[in-house]
Amino acid sequence: MPVILKIDSHRKVVYSTFYGKLTDEELLRHGARIASDPDFRKDFSEIVDFTDVTQASISKDTLTTMANTRSLFSQSVFHIVVAAGGALFDLASRYKELSRKSRPNLFVVHTRAEAYKLLAKRKE
C-alpha cells in the first residue's frame, strides 16, 4: 500500500502520507489500518497528506462511502487534508463537502505548514 502511517502519541496526531498512485481500495482499507494500530486513540487529530501522490483514481462513490461512514475519531478532533492543488485539491474539497455532518472539523489545505498551523490553533 502506498501510504506511510505514523502515530505520534506525544503530539496526539495520526499522520497518513500517501504517495504514488492512489486508488479507491487504498483509501477504503486505510481506516482499518489506523484502527488496528495499538497507538491509535480516538481523541488524536489527523493529517492526511496527498502531496506525494502522482496519480489518483478515486470515484465519487468512494468519497460518498467514506463520508457516510462513521469516523474512527471523536467528533471534536481536527481532520486536515493536505493537497497541493489541482485534481487532488478538488477531490479533497468534494470530500469535505460530503463530510460536513460526519467530520465537522475537516479542513483542506495546500501545504503541510498550513496543516501544522491549524493544529497549533486547535491547542490554543
N, C-alpha and C. Protein backbone atom coordinates (compact mmCIF):
# COMPACT_ATOMS: atom_id res chain seq x y z
N MET A 1 0.85 -1.18 0.00
CA MET A 1 0.00 0.00 0.00
C MET A 1 0.89 1.24 0.00
N PRO A 2 0.62 2.17 -0.88
CA PRO A 2 1.46 3.37 -0.94
C PRO A 2 1.06 4.42 0.10
N VAL A 3 1.24 4.07 1.36
CA VAL A 3 0.95 5.02 2.44
C VAL A 3 1.86 4.72 3.63
N ILE A 4 2.30 5.79 4.26
CA ILE A 4 3.08 5.67 5.48
C ILE A 4 2.19 6.18 6.61
N LEU A 5 2.01 5.35 7.61
CA LEU A 5 1.20 5.71 8.77
C LEU A 5 2.11 5.93 9.96
N LYS A 6 1.98 7.10 10.59
CA LYS A 6 2.74 7.40 11.80
C LYS A 6 1.77 7.95 12.83
N ILE A 7 1.84 7.41 14.02
CA ILE A 7 1.00 7.92 15.10
C ILE A 7 1.92 8.49 16.16
N ASP A 8 1.78 9.78 16.38
CA ASP A 8 2.61 10.50 17.35
C ASP A 8 1.79 10.67 18.63
N SER A 9 2.01 9.79 19.60
CA SER A 9 1.26 9.82 20.85
C SER A 9 1.54 11.08 21.66
N HIS A 10 2.76 11.58 21.56
CA HIS A 10 3.12 12.80 22.30
C HIS A 10 2.34 14.01 21.79
N ARG A 11 2.26 14.16 20.47
CA ARG A 11 1.54 15.28 19.86
C ARG A 11 0.06 15.00 19.64
N LYS A 12 -0.31 13.74 19.83
CA LYS A 12 -1.70 13.30 19.65
C LYS A 12 -2.19 13.54 18.22
N VAL A 13 -1.39 13.05 17.26
CA VAL A 13 -1.71 13.22 15.85
C VAL A 13 -1.47 11.91 15.10
N VAL A 14 -2.38 11.58 14.22
CA VAL A 14 -2.23 10.46 13.29
C VAL A 14 -1.85 11.06 11.94
N TYR A 15 -0.68 10.69 11.42
CA TYR A 15 -0.19 11.17 10.13
C TYR A 15 -0.30 10.04 9.11
N SER A 16 -0.96 10.31 8.00
CA SER A 16 -1.02 9.37 6.90
C SER A 16 -0.48 10.08 5.67
N THR A 17 0.61 9.58 5.12
CA THR A 17 1.23 10.18 3.95
C THR A 17 1.10 9.21 2.78
N PHE A 18 0.27 9.58 1.81
CA PHE A 18 0.08 8.75 0.63
C PHE A 18 1.06 9.19 -0.45
N TYR A 19 1.49 8.26 -1.28
CA TYR A 19 2.41 8.58 -2.36
C TYR A 19 2.16 7.66 -3.55
N GLY A 20 2.65 8.08 -4.70
CA GLY A 20 2.47 7.27 -5.91
C GLY A 20 1.03 7.29 -6.39
N LYS A 21 0.55 6.13 -6.82
CA LYS A 21 -0.81 6.01 -7.35
C LYS A 21 -1.78 5.74 -6.20
N LEU A 22 -2.83 6.54 -6.13
CA LEU A 22 -3.84 6.43 -5.08
C LEU A 22 -5.12 5.87 -5.70
N THR A 23 -5.65 4.80 -5.09
CA THR A 23 -6.85 4.16 -5.61
C THR A 23 -7.94 4.09 -4.54
N ASP A 24 -9.14 3.79 -5.00
CA ASP A 24 -10.28 3.61 -4.09
C ASP A 24 -9.94 2.59 -3.00
N GLU A 25 -9.39 1.48 -3.43
CA GLU A 25 -9.09 0.38 -2.50
C GLU A 25 -8.17 0.83 -1.36
N GLU A 26 -7.12 1.57 -1.69
CA GLU A 26 -6.19 2.02 -0.65
C GLU A 26 -6.88 2.93 0.35
N LEU A 27 -7.68 3.85 -0.15
CA LEU A 27 -8.38 4.76 0.76
C LEU A 27 -9.36 4.00 1.66
N LEU A 28 -10.10 3.08 1.09
CA LEU A 28 -11.09 2.35 1.86
C LEU A 28 -10.46 1.42 2.89
N ARG A 29 -9.31 0.87 2.62
CA ARG A 29 -8.63 -0.03 3.57
C ARG A 29 -7.88 0.71 4.66
N HIS A 30 -7.57 1.97 4.42
CA HIS A 30 -6.68 2.68 5.35
C HIS A 30 -7.29 2.88 6.74
N GLY A 31 -8.58 3.08 6.82
CA GLY A 31 -9.23 3.25 8.13
C GLY A 31 -9.02 2.04 9.03
N ALA A 32 -9.13 0.86 8.46
CA ALA A 32 -8.91 -0.37 9.24
C ALA A 32 -7.47 -0.45 9.74
N ARG A 33 -6.55 0.01 8.93
CA ARG A 33 -5.13 0.02 9.34
C ARG A 33 -4.92 0.95 10.52
N ILE A 34 -5.53 2.12 10.47
CA ILE A 34 -5.41 3.06 11.59
C ILE A 34 -6.02 2.45 12.85
N ALA A 35 -7.23 1.92 12.72
CA ALA A 35 -7.95 1.36 13.88
C ALA A 35 -7.19 0.21 14.53
N SER A 36 -6.45 -0.55 13.74
CA SER A 36 -5.75 -1.71 14.29
C SER A 36 -4.40 -1.36 14.92
N ASP A 37 -3.96 -0.13 14.76
CA ASP A 37 -2.67 0.27 15.34
C ASP A 37 -2.84 0.45 16.85
N PRO A 38 -1.99 -0.21 17.65
CA PRO A 38 -2.15 -0.12 19.11
C PRO A 38 -1.93 1.28 19.69
N ASP A 39 -1.29 2.17 18.93
CA ASP A 39 -1.06 3.53 19.41
C ASP A 39 -2.22 4.49 19.10
N PHE A 40 -3.19 4.04 18.31
CA PHE A 40 -4.29 4.90 17.92
C PHE A 40 -5.20 5.21 19.10
N ARG A 41 -5.60 6.47 19.18
CA ARG A 41 -6.59 6.93 20.16
C ARG A 41 -7.60 7.81 19.44
N LYS A 42 -8.86 7.67 19.80
CA LYS A 42 -9.94 8.40 19.14
C LYS A 42 -9.82 9.92 19.27
N ASP A 43 -9.14 10.39 20.31
CA ASP A 43 -9.06 11.83 20.54
C ASP A 43 -7.86 12.48 19.87
N PHE A 44 -7.11 11.73 19.05
CA PHE A 44 -5.99 12.30 18.30
C PHE A 44 -6.53 13.02 17.07
N SER A 45 -5.85 14.07 16.65
CA SER A 45 -6.17 14.73 15.39
C SER A 45 -5.56 13.94 14.24
N GLU A 46 -5.90 14.33 13.03
CA GLU A 46 -5.46 13.57 11.86
C GLU A 46 -4.98 14.51 10.77
N ILE A 47 -3.83 14.16 10.19
CA ILE A 47 -3.35 14.82 8.98
C ILE A 47 -3.21 13.75 7.90
N VAL A 48 -3.88 13.96 6.79
CA VAL A 48 -3.77 13.08 5.63
C VAL A 48 -3.09 13.89 4.54
N ASP A 49 -1.92 13.43 4.13
CA ASP A 49 -1.09 14.19 3.20
C ASP A 49 -1.04 13.51 1.83
N PHE A 50 -1.55 14.22 0.82
CA PHE A 50 -1.54 13.72 -0.56
C PHE A 50 -0.47 14.41 -1.41
N THR A 51 0.45 15.13 -0.79
CA THR A 51 1.45 15.91 -1.52
C THR A 51 2.25 15.05 -2.50
N ASP A 52 2.57 13.82 -2.12
CA ASP A 52 3.41 12.97 -2.96
C ASP A 52 2.63 11.99 -3.84
N VAL A 53 1.32 12.20 -3.96
CA VAL A 53 0.52 11.37 -4.86
C VAL A 53 0.75 11.85 -6.28
N THR A 54 1.10 10.92 -7.17
CA THR A 54 1.39 11.27 -8.56
C THR A 54 0.22 10.99 -9.49
N GLN A 55 -0.68 10.09 -9.05
CA GLN A 55 -1.85 9.75 -9.86
C GLN A 55 -2.96 9.32 -8.91
N ALA A 56 -4.18 9.79 -9.14
CA ALA A 56 -5.31 9.43 -8.29
C ALA A 56 -6.47 8.92 -9.13
N SER A 57 -7.00 7.80 -8.70
CA SER A 57 -8.17 7.22 -9.35
C SER A 57 -9.19 6.93 -8.26
N ILE A 58 -9.91 7.99 -7.87
CA ILE A 58 -10.86 7.90 -6.77
C ILE A 58 -12.25 8.23 -7.30
N SER A 59 -13.21 7.35 -7.03
CA SER A 59 -14.56 7.55 -7.53
C SER A 59 -15.40 8.37 -6.56
N LYS A 60 -16.43 8.97 -7.09
CA LYS A 60 -17.38 9.71 -6.24
C LYS A 60 -18.05 8.75 -5.26
N ASP A 61 -18.29 7.51 -5.68
CA ASP A 61 -18.89 6.51 -4.79
C ASP A 61 -18.00 6.26 -3.56
N THR A 62 -16.70 6.22 -3.77
CA THR A 62 -15.78 6.02 -2.65
C THR A 62 -15.82 7.21 -1.71
N LEU A 63 -15.82 8.41 -2.26
CA LEU A 63 -15.90 9.61 -1.42
C LEU A 63 -17.19 9.60 -0.60
N THR A 64 -18.29 9.25 -1.24
CA THR A 64 -19.58 9.21 -0.55
C THR A 64 -19.59 8.14 0.54
N THR A 65 -19.05 6.97 0.23
CA THR A 65 -18.98 5.89 1.22
C THR A 65 -18.16 6.33 2.42
N MET A 66 -17.01 6.91 2.17
CA MET A 66 -16.15 7.35 3.27
C MET A 66 -16.83 8.45 4.10
N ALA A 67 -17.48 9.39 3.43
CA ALA A 67 -18.15 10.49 4.13
C ALA A 67 -19.30 9.99 4.99
N ASN A 68 -19.97 8.94 4.54
CA ASN A 68 -21.11 8.40 5.27
C ASN A 68 -20.74 7.35 6.30
N THR A 69 -19.48 6.99 6.35
CA THR A 69 -19.00 6.03 7.34
C THR A 69 -18.60 6.78 8.60
N ARG A 70 -19.03 6.28 9.72
CA ARG A 70 -18.69 6.93 10.98
C ARG A 70 -17.17 7.01 11.13
N SER A 71 -16.71 8.16 11.55
CA SER A 71 -15.28 8.38 11.74
C SER A 71 -14.74 7.54 12.89
N LEU A 72 -13.50 7.10 12.76
CA LEU A 72 -12.81 6.41 13.85
C LEU A 72 -12.51 7.36 15.00
N PHE A 73 -12.47 8.64 14.67
CA PHE A 73 -12.04 9.67 15.60
C PHE A 73 -13.24 10.29 16.31
N SER A 74 -12.98 10.92 17.44
CA SER A 74 -14.01 11.68 18.15
C SER A 74 -14.50 12.83 17.29
N GLN A 75 -15.72 13.23 17.50
CA GLN A 75 -16.35 14.28 16.69
C GLN A 75 -15.59 15.61 16.74
N SER A 76 -14.91 15.89 17.85
CA SER A 76 -14.28 17.20 18.04
C SER A 76 -12.88 17.33 17.45
N VAL A 77 -12.27 16.24 17.00
CA VAL A 77 -10.89 16.33 16.52
C VAL A 77 -10.81 17.01 15.16
N PHE A 78 -9.62 17.51 14.85
CA PHE A 78 -9.36 18.10 13.55
C PHE A 78 -8.92 17.01 12.58
N HIS A 79 -9.50 17.04 11.39
CA HIS A 79 -9.07 16.22 10.25
C HIS A 79 -8.54 17.23 9.24
N ILE A 80 -7.28 17.08 8.86
CA ILE A 80 -6.69 18.03 7.92
C ILE A 80 -6.16 17.25 6.72
N VAL A 81 -6.61 17.63 5.54
CA VAL A 81 -6.15 17.01 4.31
C VAL A 81 -5.23 18.00 3.60
N VAL A 82 -4.03 17.53 3.26
CA VAL A 82 -3.05 18.35 2.54
C VAL A 82 -3.04 17.89 1.08
N ALA A 83 -3.40 18.81 0.20
CA ALA A 83 -3.39 18.54 -1.24
C ALA A 83 -2.91 19.81 -1.93
N ALA A 84 -1.78 19.73 -2.58
CA ALA A 84 -1.13 20.92 -3.13
C ALA A 84 -2.03 21.72 -4.07
N GLY A 85 -2.80 21.06 -4.87
CA GLY A 85 -3.66 21.77 -5.81
C GLY A 85 -4.21 20.83 -6.85
N GLY A 86 -4.84 21.40 -7.84
CA GLY A 86 -5.34 20.63 -8.97
C GLY A 86 -6.43 19.64 -8.59
N ALA A 87 -6.41 18.50 -9.26
CA ALA A 87 -7.46 17.50 -9.10
C ALA A 87 -7.55 16.95 -7.68
N LEU A 88 -6.41 16.75 -7.04
CA LEU A 88 -6.44 16.22 -5.66
C LEU A 88 -7.05 17.22 -4.69
N PHE A 89 -6.76 18.49 -4.87
CA PHE A 89 -7.35 19.50 -4.00
C PHE A 89 -8.87 19.55 -4.22
N ASP A 90 -9.29 19.46 -5.47
CA ASP A 90 -10.72 19.44 -5.79
C ASP A 90 -11.39 18.21 -5.18
N LEU A 91 -10.74 17.07 -5.27
CA LEU A 91 -11.25 15.82 -4.70
C LEU A 91 -11.40 15.95 -3.19
N ALA A 92 -10.38 16.48 -2.53
CA ALA A 92 -10.42 16.67 -1.07
C ALA A 92 -11.52 17.67 -0.69
N SER A 93 -11.69 18.69 -1.48
CA SER A 93 -12.74 19.68 -1.21
C SER A 93 -14.13 19.07 -1.36
N ARG A 94 -14.30 18.20 -2.35
CA ARG A 94 -15.58 17.50 -2.51
C ARG A 94 -15.85 16.61 -1.30
N TYR A 95 -14.82 15.92 -0.85
CA TYR A 95 -14.94 15.06 0.33
C TYR A 95 -15.33 15.89 1.56
N LYS A 96 -14.73 17.06 1.70
CA LYS A 96 -15.07 17.94 2.81
C LYS A 96 -16.55 18.29 2.78
N GLU A 97 -17.05 18.64 1.62
CA GLU A 97 -18.46 18.99 1.48
C GLU A 97 -19.36 17.80 1.83
N LEU A 98 -19.00 16.62 1.36
CA LEU A 98 -19.79 15.42 1.65
C LEU A 98 -19.74 15.03 3.14
N SER A 99 -18.67 15.44 3.81
CA SER A 99 -18.42 15.02 5.20
C SER A 99 -18.84 16.06 6.24
N ARG A 100 -19.57 17.06 5.84
CA ARG A 100 -19.93 18.15 6.77
C ARG A 100 -20.49 17.64 8.09
N LYS A 101 -21.36 16.65 8.05
CA LYS A 101 -22.00 16.15 9.27
C LYS A 101 -21.13 15.14 10.00
N SER A 102 -20.46 14.28 9.29
CA SER A 102 -19.67 13.23 9.95
C SER A 102 -18.31 13.71 10.44
N ARG A 103 -17.78 14.75 9.83
CA ARG A 103 -16.47 15.29 10.19
C ARG A 103 -16.51 16.82 10.13
N PRO A 104 -17.17 17.44 11.12
CA PRO A 104 -17.37 18.89 11.06
C PRO A 104 -16.08 19.70 11.13
N ASN A 105 -15.02 19.13 11.61
CA ASN A 105 -13.74 19.84 11.73
C ASN A 105 -12.75 19.33 10.69
N LEU A 106 -13.21 19.19 9.46
CA LEU A 106 -12.34 18.76 8.38
C LEU A 106 -11.91 19.99 7.59
N PHE A 107 -10.61 20.10 7.38
CA PHE A 107 -10.03 21.23 6.66
C PHE A 107 -9.20 20.71 5.49
N VAL A 108 -9.19 21.43 4.40
CA VAL A 108 -8.36 21.10 3.24
C VAL A 108 -7.39 22.26 3.05
N VAL A 109 -6.10 21.95 3.04
CA VAL A 109 -5.07 22.97 2.91
C VAL A 109 -4.10 22.58 1.79
N HIS A 110 -3.30 23.55 1.37
CA HIS A 110 -2.36 23.32 0.27
C HIS A 110 -1.00 22.81 0.72
N THR A 111 -0.60 23.09 1.96
CA THR A 111 0.75 22.73 2.40
C THR A 111 0.75 22.11 3.79
N ARG A 112 1.80 21.38 4.08
CA ARG A 112 1.98 20.82 5.42
C ARG A 112 2.09 21.94 6.46
N ALA A 113 2.75 23.03 6.09
CA ALA A 113 2.90 24.16 7.02
C ALA A 113 1.53 24.67 7.46
N GLU A 114 0.58 24.76 6.52
CA GLU A 114 -0.78 25.19 6.87
C GLU A 114 -1.43 24.19 7.82
N ALA A 115 -1.19 22.91 7.59
CA ALA A 115 -1.76 21.87 8.46
C ALA A 115 -1.24 22.02 9.88
N TYR A 116 0.05 22.24 10.02
CA TYR A 116 0.64 22.37 11.35
C TYR A 116 0.15 23.63 12.06
N LYS A 117 -0.09 24.71 11.30
CA LYS A 117 -0.63 25.94 11.89
C LYS A 117 -2.04 25.70 12.43
N LEU A 118 -2.84 24.96 11.69
CA LEU A 118 -4.19 24.63 12.15
C LEU A 118 -4.15 23.81 13.43
N LEU A 119 -3.25 22.85 13.50
CA LEU A 119 -3.13 22.04 14.71
C LEU A 119 -2.72 22.90 15.89
N ALA A 120 -1.83 23.82 15.66
CA ALA A 120 -1.38 24.71 16.74
C ALA A 120 -2.55 25.56 17.25
N LYS A 121 -3.40 26.03 16.36
CA LYS A 121 -4.57 26.82 16.75
C LYS A 121 -5.53 25.99 17.59
N ARG A 122 -5.66 24.71 17.25
CA ARG A 122 -6.56 23.84 17.98
C ARG A 122 -6.13 23.71 19.43
N LYS A 123 -4.85 23.73 19.67
CA LYS A 123 -4.32 23.55 21.03
C LYS A 123 -4.41 24.82 21.86
N GLU A 124 -4.65 25.95 21.22
CA GLU A 124 -4.71 27.22 21.96
C GLU A 124 -5.95 27.32 22.81
